[in-house]
Protein backbone atom coordinates (compact mmCIF):
# COMPACT_ATOMS: atom_id res chain seq x y z
CA MET A 1 -14.34 2.64 -17.45
CA LEU A 2 -12.47 5.81 -18.35
CA ARG A 3 -8.92 5.19 -19.56
CA PRO A 4 -6.20 7.87 -19.49
CA ARG A 5 -5.87 8.06 -23.28
CA GLY A 6 -9.62 8.30 -23.72
CA SER A 7 -10.03 11.15 -21.26
CA ALA A 8 -9.32 13.85 -23.88
CA ALA A 9 -12.69 13.16 -25.49
CA HIS A 10 -14.40 14.05 -22.19
CA GLY A 11 -12.92 17.52 -21.75
CA SER A 12 -10.15 18.81 -19.52
CA LEU A 13 -9.62 15.77 -17.32
CA PHE A 14 -6.27 14.97 -15.75
CA LEU A 15 -4.77 12.31 -13.52
CA THR A 16 -2.87 12.92 -10.31
CA ARG A 17 -0.73 10.70 -8.16
CA PRO A 18 -0.50 12.07 -4.64
CA THR A 19 2.65 11.46 -2.64
CA LEU A 20 3.31 11.54 1.09
CA ASN A 21 4.23 15.23 0.86
CA ASP A 22 0.70 16.00 -0.33
CA HIS A 23 -0.68 14.70 2.99
CA ALA A 24 1.97 15.54 5.59
CA THR A 25 4.04 18.61 4.83
CA ASP A 26 6.38 18.74 7.83
CA PRO A 27 8.18 16.18 10.03
CA ALA A 28 6.11 16.95 13.14
CA GLU A 29 2.86 16.29 11.28
CA LEU A 30 4.22 13.04 9.86
CA LEU A 31 5.34 11.87 13.33
CA GLY A 32 1.96 12.71 14.82
CA ARG A 33 0.02 10.93 12.10
CA SER A 34 2.22 7.84 12.21
CA ALA A 35 1.97 7.68 16.03
CA GLU A 36 -1.81 7.80 15.70
CA LEU A 37 -1.81 5.04 13.07
CA PHE A 38 0.48 2.73 15.09
CA GLY A 39 -1.65 3.40 18.16
CA TRP A 40 -4.74 2.19 16.28
CA LEU A 41 -2.85 -0.94 15.21
CA ARG A 42 -1.60 -1.57 18.76
CA ASP A 43 -5.09 -1.11 20.24
CA GLY A 44 -6.73 -3.35 17.65
CA GLU A 45 -8.87 -0.54 16.23
CA ILE A 46 -7.70 -1.41 12.72
CA ASP A 47 -6.61 -4.75 11.37
CA ALA A 48 -3.69 -5.13 9.01
CA SER A 49 -4.18 -8.74 8.05
CA VAL A 50 -1.06 -10.52 6.85
CA GLY A 51 -1.82 -13.14 4.24
CA GLY A 52 1.65 -14.61 4.18
CA THR A 53 5.35 -14.13 4.74
CA TYR A 54 7.90 -15.06 2.10
CA PRO A 55 11.68 -15.19 2.23
CA LEU A 56 13.15 -12.35 0.20
CA GLU A 57 14.50 -14.87 -2.32
CA GLU A 58 10.88 -15.87 -3.07
CA ALA A 59 9.69 -12.36 -3.95
CA ALA A 60 8.76 -13.54 -7.45
CA HIS A 61 6.57 -16.27 -5.93
CA ALA A 62 4.84 -13.71 -3.68
CA HIS A 63 4.24 -11.51 -6.72
CA ARG A 64 2.72 -14.40 -8.66
CA ASP A 65 0.43 -15.19 -5.72
CA LEU A 66 -0.75 -11.56 -5.76
CA GLN A 67 -1.30 -11.58 -9.52
CA GLN A 68 -3.22 -14.85 -9.41
CA ARG A 69 -5.28 -13.74 -6.39
CA ARG A 70 -4.12 -16.65 -4.24
CA SER A 71 -3.69 -14.43 -1.19
CA THR A 72 -5.63 -12.09 1.03
CA GLY A 73 -4.22 -9.31 3.17
CA LYS A 74 -0.67 -8.08 2.97
CA LEU A 75 2.24 -10.23 1.85
CA LEU A 76 5.50 -9.64 3.68
CA LEU A 77 9.01 -10.24 2.40
CA SER A 78 11.46 -11.25 5.10
CA PRO A 79 15.21 -10.81 4.65
CA GLU A 80 15.80 -13.68 7.13
CA GLY A 81 13.26 -16.01 5.54
CA SER A 82 9.98 -17.19 7.00
């Protein structure tokens, strides 16, 4: 596994962290892409499995479950509780 500090020994390697602006550069493109994504979700073409919902006050518990791999799918935090 190549680690960031060790990359200098391998030549001119660098790390990047793309942001949303690297993929959708104007509001119309972003709206079109998000409409397409939500259409796929609505039509069941992609599955966003939810592994659990936690009240916002239990965010630390949700984080521990993620760290300890006690969940699958997405974990949601709900401001109204679960």
